[in-house]
Amino acid sequence: MNNNLINWSDFTKVELTAGTIVDVQDFAEARNPSYKIWVNFGEEIGTRKSSAQVTKLYTKEELIGKQIIGVTNFPPKQVGPFMSEFLVTGFVLEDGEVVLSTTDKKIPNGTRLY
């Protein structure tokens, strides 16, 4: 039996939002190889920054313009000298690499997943 069951109101508290990556920079100070990324989540939320440990599966160039899904209602979190403003979502593989959660087709930035 799954003891981690949630109800609908629990799920709706998590703001899973589509946004487009607009900038990517190396995050040299990170403990694990990472990028600093900036994502446009649309007019209401704006552009927010986060870090992502995806350097082995994605180049900076291929990330620009990619639409991803982020959790936009987490409080900011200090990651070394960098303040993360949302949580990048992805699937962790057996080897620890992360495949980003993306949209199947382009949708307006700021669209929520329900």
N, C-alpha and C. Protein backbone atom coordinates (compact mmCIF):
# COMPACT_ATOMS: atom_id res chain seq x y z
N MET A 1 0.85 -1.19 0.00
CA MET A 1 0.00 0.00 0.00
C MET A 1 0.89 1.24 0.00
N ASN A 2 0.49 2.24 -0.76
CA ASN A 2 1.25 3.49 -0.86
C ASN A 2 0.83 4.43 0.27
N ASN A 3 1.75 4.71 1.19
CA ASN A 3 1.46 5.60 2.32
C ASN A 3 1.67 7.06 1.97
N ASN A 4 2.06 7.36 0.72
CA ASN A 4 2.31 8.73 0.31
C ASN A 4 1.17 9.32 -0.50
N LEU A 5 -0.03 8.75 -0.35
CA LEU A 5 -1.17 9.26 -1.11
C LEU A 5 -1.49 10.69 -0.68
N ILE A 6 -1.85 11.51 -1.66
CA ILE A 6 -2.26 12.88 -1.39
C ILE A 6 -3.67 13.07 -1.94
N ASN A 7 -4.31 14.14 -1.54
CA ASN A 7 -5.63 14.43 -2.10
C ASN A 7 -5.50 15.59 -3.08
N TRP A 8 -6.59 15.90 -3.77
CA TRP A 8 -6.58 16.91 -4.81
C TRP A 8 -6.11 18.26 -4.27
N SER A 9 -6.55 18.64 -3.09
CA SER A 9 -6.16 19.95 -2.56
C SER A 9 -4.66 20.00 -2.28
N ASP A 10 -4.05 18.87 -1.90
CA ASP A 10 -2.59 18.83 -1.73
C ASP A 10 -1.91 19.11 -3.07
N PHE A 11 -2.38 18.44 -4.13
CA PHE A 11 -1.77 18.59 -5.45
C PHE A 11 -1.89 20.01 -5.96
N THR A 12 -3.03 20.64 -5.77
CA THR A 12 -3.24 21.98 -6.32
C THR A 12 -2.40 23.03 -5.61
N LYS A 13 -1.82 22.71 -4.47
CA LYS A 13 -0.93 23.65 -3.78
C LYS A 13 0.41 23.81 -4.52
N VAL A 14 0.79 22.79 -5.28
CA VAL A 14 2.06 22.82 -6.01
C VAL A 14 1.83 23.52 -7.35
N GLU A 15 2.48 24.65 -7.55
CA GLU A 15 2.34 25.41 -8.79
C GLU A 15 3.39 24.93 -9.80
N LEU A 16 3.00 23.96 -10.62
CA LEU A 16 3.83 23.44 -11.70
C LEU A 16 3.55 24.29 -12.91
N THR A 17 4.54 25.04 -13.36
CA THR A 17 4.34 26.08 -14.36
C THR A 17 5.30 25.91 -15.54
N ALA A 18 4.78 26.12 -16.75
CA ALA A 18 5.60 26.06 -17.96
C ALA A 18 6.34 27.38 -18.15
N GLY A 19 7.60 27.27 -18.53
CA GLY A 19 8.41 28.45 -18.81
C GLY A 19 9.51 28.12 -19.80
N THR A 20 10.04 29.15 -20.45
CA THR A 20 11.07 28.97 -21.47
C THR A 20 12.42 29.45 -20.94
N ILE A 21 13.43 28.62 -21.11
CA ILE A 21 14.79 28.98 -20.69
C ILE A 21 15.30 30.10 -21.60
N VAL A 22 15.70 31.22 -20.98
CA VAL A 22 16.16 32.38 -21.75
C VAL A 22 17.65 32.65 -21.58
N ASP A 23 18.28 32.08 -20.53
CA ASP A 23 19.72 32.28 -20.33
C ASP A 23 20.25 31.10 -19.54
N VAL A 24 21.50 30.71 -19.84
CA VAL A 24 22.18 29.62 -19.15
C VAL A 24 23.63 30.02 -18.96
N GLN A 25 24.13 29.84 -17.74
CA GLN A 25 25.54 30.13 -17.45
C GLN A 25 26.12 29.00 -16.63
N ASP A 26 27.42 28.80 -16.75
CA ASP A 26 28.10 27.82 -15.91
C ASP A 26 27.97 28.24 -14.45
N PHE A 27 27.86 27.25 -13.57
CA PHE A 27 27.79 27.50 -12.13
C PHE A 27 29.04 26.88 -11.51
N ALA A 28 30.15 27.57 -11.71
CA ALA A 28 31.46 27.04 -11.30
C ALA A 28 31.58 26.80 -9.79
N GLU A 29 30.84 27.55 -8.99
CA GLU A 29 30.95 27.44 -7.53
C GLU A 29 30.14 26.26 -6.97
N ALA A 30 29.31 25.63 -7.77
CA ALA A 30 28.46 24.53 -7.29
C ALA A 30 29.30 23.31 -6.93
N ARG A 31 28.84 22.55 -5.93
CA ARG A 31 29.54 21.34 -5.52
C ARG A 31 29.53 20.29 -6.62
N ASN A 32 28.38 20.15 -7.30
CA ASN A 32 28.24 19.21 -8.41
C ASN A 32 28.10 20.03 -9.70
N PRO A 33 28.58 19.51 -10.82
CA PRO A 33 28.48 20.27 -12.07
C PRO A 33 27.05 20.72 -12.33
N SER A 34 26.88 22.02 -12.52
CA SER A 34 25.55 22.61 -12.66
C SER A 34 25.58 23.81 -13.58
N TYR A 35 24.39 24.20 -14.00
CA TYR A 35 24.18 25.46 -14.72
C TYR A 35 23.32 26.36 -13.86
N LYS A 36 23.50 27.66 -14.04
CA LYS A 36 22.54 28.66 -13.57
C LYS A 36 21.62 28.88 -14.75
N ILE A 37 20.31 28.81 -14.53
CA ILE A 37 19.38 29.02 -15.63
C ILE A 37 18.36 30.09 -15.26
N TRP A 38 17.93 30.84 -16.26
CA TRP A 38 16.89 31.85 -16.12
C TRP A 38 15.73 31.43 -17.01
N VAL A 39 14.52 31.42 -16.45
CA VAL A 39 13.35 30.94 -17.17
C VAL A 39 12.26 32.00 -17.15
N ASN A 40 11.70 32.26 -18.32
CA ASN A 40 10.57 33.19 -18.46
C ASN A 40 9.29 32.41 -18.21
N PHE A 41 8.62 32.73 -17.10
CA PHE A 41 7.36 32.08 -16.74
C PHE A 41 6.15 32.95 -17.09
N GLY A 42 6.30 33.87 -18.01
CA GLY A 42 5.17 34.68 -18.45
C GLY A 42 5.03 35.97 -17.66
N GLU A 43 4.05 36.74 -18.08
CA GLU A 43 3.87 38.10 -17.55
C GLU A 43 3.59 38.13 -16.05
N GLU A 44 2.76 37.23 -15.56
CA GLU A 44 2.36 37.27 -14.15
C GLU A 44 3.52 36.92 -13.20
N ILE A 45 4.31 35.90 -13.55
CA ILE A 45 5.40 35.43 -12.69
C ILE A 45 6.72 36.11 -13.04
N GLY A 46 6.95 36.31 -14.33
CA GLY A 46 8.19 36.93 -14.79
C GLY A 46 9.31 35.92 -14.97
N THR A 47 10.53 36.42 -15.06
CA THR A 47 11.70 35.58 -15.23
C THR A 47 12.30 35.27 -13.87
N ARG A 48 12.56 33.99 -13.64
CA ARG A 48 13.16 33.55 -12.38
C ARG A 48 14.39 32.71 -12.67
N LYS A 49 15.26 32.61 -11.67
CA LYS A 49 16.51 31.87 -11.84
C LYS A 49 16.56 30.67 -10.90
N SER A 50 17.33 29.67 -11.32
CA SER A 50 17.54 28.48 -10.52
C SER A 50 18.83 27.82 -10.98
N SER A 51 19.20 26.74 -10.32
CA SER A 51 20.34 25.96 -10.78
C SER A 51 19.84 24.57 -11.15
N ALA A 52 20.58 23.93 -12.06
CA ALA A 52 20.18 22.61 -12.52
C ALA A 52 21.42 21.76 -12.77
N GLN A 53 21.41 20.55 -12.22
CA GLN A 53 22.52 19.61 -12.41
C GLN A 53 22.25 18.77 -13.66
N VAL A 54 22.36 19.41 -14.81
CA VAL A 54 22.03 18.74 -16.07
C VAL A 54 23.16 18.89 -17.10
N THR A 55 24.37 19.12 -16.64
CA THR A 55 25.48 19.44 -17.55
C THR A 55 25.91 18.26 -18.42
N LYS A 56 25.65 17.03 -18.00
CA LYS A 56 26.08 15.88 -18.81
C LYS A 56 25.10 15.56 -19.93
N LEU A 57 23.84 15.88 -19.74
CA LEU A 57 22.84 15.53 -20.76
C LEU A 57 22.45 16.70 -21.66
N TYR A 58 22.78 17.94 -21.24
CA TYR A 58 22.38 19.12 -22.02
C TYR A 58 23.54 20.11 -22.12
N THR A 59 23.70 20.69 -23.30
CA THR A 59 24.63 21.79 -23.46
C THR A 59 23.88 23.09 -23.16
N LYS A 60 24.63 24.14 -22.88
CA LYS A 60 23.99 25.44 -22.66
C LYS A 60 23.20 25.86 -23.89
N GLU A 61 23.77 25.62 -25.06
CA GLU A 61 23.13 26.06 -26.30
C GLU A 61 21.80 25.34 -26.54
N GLU A 62 21.73 24.05 -26.24
CA GLU A 62 20.47 23.34 -26.49
C GLU A 62 19.40 23.65 -25.44
N LEU A 63 19.81 24.19 -24.30
CA LEU A 63 18.83 24.55 -23.27
C LEU A 63 18.10 25.86 -23.61
N ILE A 64 18.80 26.79 -24.26
CA ILE A 64 18.17 28.07 -24.61
C ILE A 64 16.96 27.80 -25.52
N GLY A 65 15.81 28.33 -25.11
CA GLY A 65 14.58 28.16 -25.88
C GLY A 65 13.78 26.93 -25.51
N LYS A 66 14.35 26.04 -24.68
CA LYS A 66 13.63 24.83 -24.26
C LYS A 66 12.57 25.21 -23.22
N GLN A 67 11.37 24.68 -23.42
CA GLN A 67 10.29 24.95 -22.47
C GLN A 67 10.29 23.83 -21.42
N ILE A 68 10.37 24.22 -20.15
CA ILE A 68 10.43 23.26 -19.05
C ILE A 68 9.28 23.49 -18.09
N ILE A 69 9.20 22.63 -17.08
CA ILE A 69 8.18 22.75 -16.04
C ILE A 69 8.91 22.99 -14.72
N GLY A 70 8.52 24.05 -14.02
CA GLY A 70 9.14 24.37 -12.75
C GLY A 70 8.09 24.54 -11.65
N VAL A 71 8.51 24.34 -10.42
CA VAL A 71 7.66 24.63 -9.26
C VAL A 71 7.93 26.07 -8.89
N THR A 72 6.92 26.93 -9.06
CA THR A 72 7.14 28.36 -8.90
C THR A 72 6.66 28.91 -7.56
N ASN A 73 6.16 28.06 -6.67
CA ASN A 73 5.72 28.58 -5.37
C ASN A 73 6.53 28.04 -4.20
N PHE A 74 7.76 27.60 -4.45
CA PHE A 74 8.70 27.33 -3.37
C PHE A 74 9.33 28.64 -2.94
N PRO A 75 9.69 28.77 -1.67
CA PRO A 75 10.41 29.98 -1.26
C PRO A 75 11.81 29.98 -1.87
N PRO A 76 12.42 31.15 -2.06
CA PRO A 76 13.80 31.20 -2.56
C PRO A 76 14.73 30.38 -1.66
N LYS A 77 15.76 29.78 -2.28
CA LYS A 77 16.70 28.94 -1.54
C LYS A 77 18.12 29.32 -1.95
N GLN A 78 18.97 29.54 -0.96
CA GLN A 78 20.37 29.86 -1.22
C GLN A 78 21.12 28.59 -1.62
N VAL A 79 21.75 28.60 -2.79
CA VAL A 79 22.56 27.49 -3.27
C VAL A 79 23.97 28.05 -3.46
N GLY A 80 24.81 27.89 -2.45
CA GLY A 80 26.14 28.52 -2.49
C GLY A 80 25.95 30.03 -2.59
N PRO A 81 26.63 30.68 -3.53
CA PRO A 81 26.51 32.13 -3.66
C PRO A 81 25.31 32.56 -4.52
N PHE A 82 24.44 31.61 -4.90
CA PHE A 82 23.36 31.85 -5.86
C PHE A 82 22.01 31.64 -5.19
N MET A 83 21.07 32.55 -5.44
CA MET A 83 19.73 32.43 -4.87
C MET A 83 18.79 31.80 -5.90
N SER A 84 18.32 30.59 -5.61
CA SER A 84 17.40 29.90 -6.50
C SER A 84 15.98 30.38 -6.21
N GLU A 85 15.22 30.69 -7.27
CA GLU A 85 13.88 31.27 -7.11
C GLU A 85 12.75 30.33 -7.54
N PHE A 86 13.08 29.15 -8.05
CA PHE A 86 12.08 28.13 -8.36
C PHE A 86 12.77 26.78 -8.41
N LEU A 87 11.99 25.70 -8.45
CA LEU A 87 12.55 24.36 -8.52
C LEU A 87 12.41 23.82 -9.93
N VAL A 88 13.52 23.45 -10.53
CA VAL A 88 13.52 22.80 -11.83
C VAL A 88 13.05 21.36 -11.60
N THR A 89 12.12 20.86 -12.43
CA THR A 89 11.66 19.49 -12.27
C THR A 89 12.29 18.60 -13.33
N GLY A 90 12.49 17.34 -12.97
CA GLY A 90 13.08 16.39 -13.89
C GLY A 90 13.02 14.99 -13.32
N PHE A 91 13.48 14.05 -14.13
CA PHE A 91 13.48 12.65 -13.77
C PHE A 91 14.92 12.21 -13.55
N VAL A 92 15.21 11.67 -12.36
CA VAL A 92 16.56 11.24 -12.02
C VAL A 92 16.74 9.80 -12.49
N LEU A 93 17.74 9.59 -13.34
CA LEU A 93 18.04 8.26 -13.85
C LEU A 93 18.88 7.48 -12.86
N GLU A 94 19.06 6.19 -13.11
CA GLU A 94 19.84 5.33 -12.21
C GLU A 94 21.25 5.83 -11.98
N ASP A 95 21.84 6.47 -13.01
CA ASP A 95 23.21 6.97 -12.88
C ASP A 95 23.27 8.36 -12.24
N GLY A 96 22.12 8.90 -11.82
CA GLY A 96 22.08 10.19 -11.16
C GLY A 96 21.86 11.37 -12.09
N GLU A 97 21.91 11.13 -13.40
CA GLU A 97 21.67 12.22 -14.35
C GLU A 97 20.20 12.59 -14.36
N VAL A 98 19.91 13.85 -14.72
CA VAL A 98 18.55 14.36 -14.68
C VAL A 98 18.07 14.70 -16.08
N VAL A 99 16.90 14.15 -16.44
CA VAL A 99 16.22 14.49 -17.68
C VAL A 99 15.14 15.50 -17.31
N LEU A 100 15.19 16.67 -17.92
CA LEU A 100 14.26 17.74 -17.58
C LEU A 100 12.82 17.39 -17.94
N SER A 101 11.88 17.87 -17.12
CA SER A 101 10.45 17.78 -17.45
C SER A 101 10.16 18.89 -18.44
N THR A 102 9.61 18.52 -19.57
CA THR A 102 9.33 19.49 -20.63
C THR A 102 7.90 19.35 -21.10
N THR A 103 7.48 20.29 -21.95
CA THR A 103 6.16 20.21 -22.55
C THR A 103 6.28 19.51 -23.91
N ASP A 104 5.22 18.84 -24.31
CA ASP A 104 5.20 18.13 -25.59
C ASP A 104 5.11 19.10 -26.75
N LYS A 105 4.37 20.17 -26.58
CA LYS A 105 4.21 21.22 -27.58
C LYS A 105 4.40 22.56 -26.89
N LYS A 106 4.75 23.59 -27.65
CA LYS A 106 4.89 24.93 -27.07
C LYS A 106 3.53 25.40 -26.58
N ILE A 107 3.52 25.94 -25.37
CA ILE A 107 2.33 26.52 -24.77
C ILE A 107 2.71 27.87 -24.20
N PRO A 108 1.75 28.71 -23.86
CA PRO A 108 2.10 30.02 -23.31
C PRO A 108 2.88 29.88 -22.00
N ASN A 109 3.98 30.63 -21.87
CA ASN A 109 4.72 30.66 -20.61
C ASN A 109 3.78 31.09 -19.50
N GLY A 110 3.88 30.43 -18.35
CA GLY A 110 3.01 30.75 -17.23
C GLY A 110 1.82 29.81 -17.12
N THR A 111 1.62 28.94 -18.10
CA THR A 111 0.53 27.97 -18.04
C THR A 111 0.81 26.97 -16.93
N ARG A 112 -0.19 26.72 -16.09
CA ARG A 112 -0.03 25.76 -14.99
C ARG A 112 -0.43 24.36 -15.41
N LEU A 113 0.24 23.38 -14.85
CA LEU A 113 -0.08 21.98 -15.05
C LEU A 113 -1.13 21.58 -14.01
N TYR A 114 -2.19 20.96 -14.48
CA TYR A 114 -3.25 20.44 -13.57
C TYR A 114 -3.52 19.01 -13.91
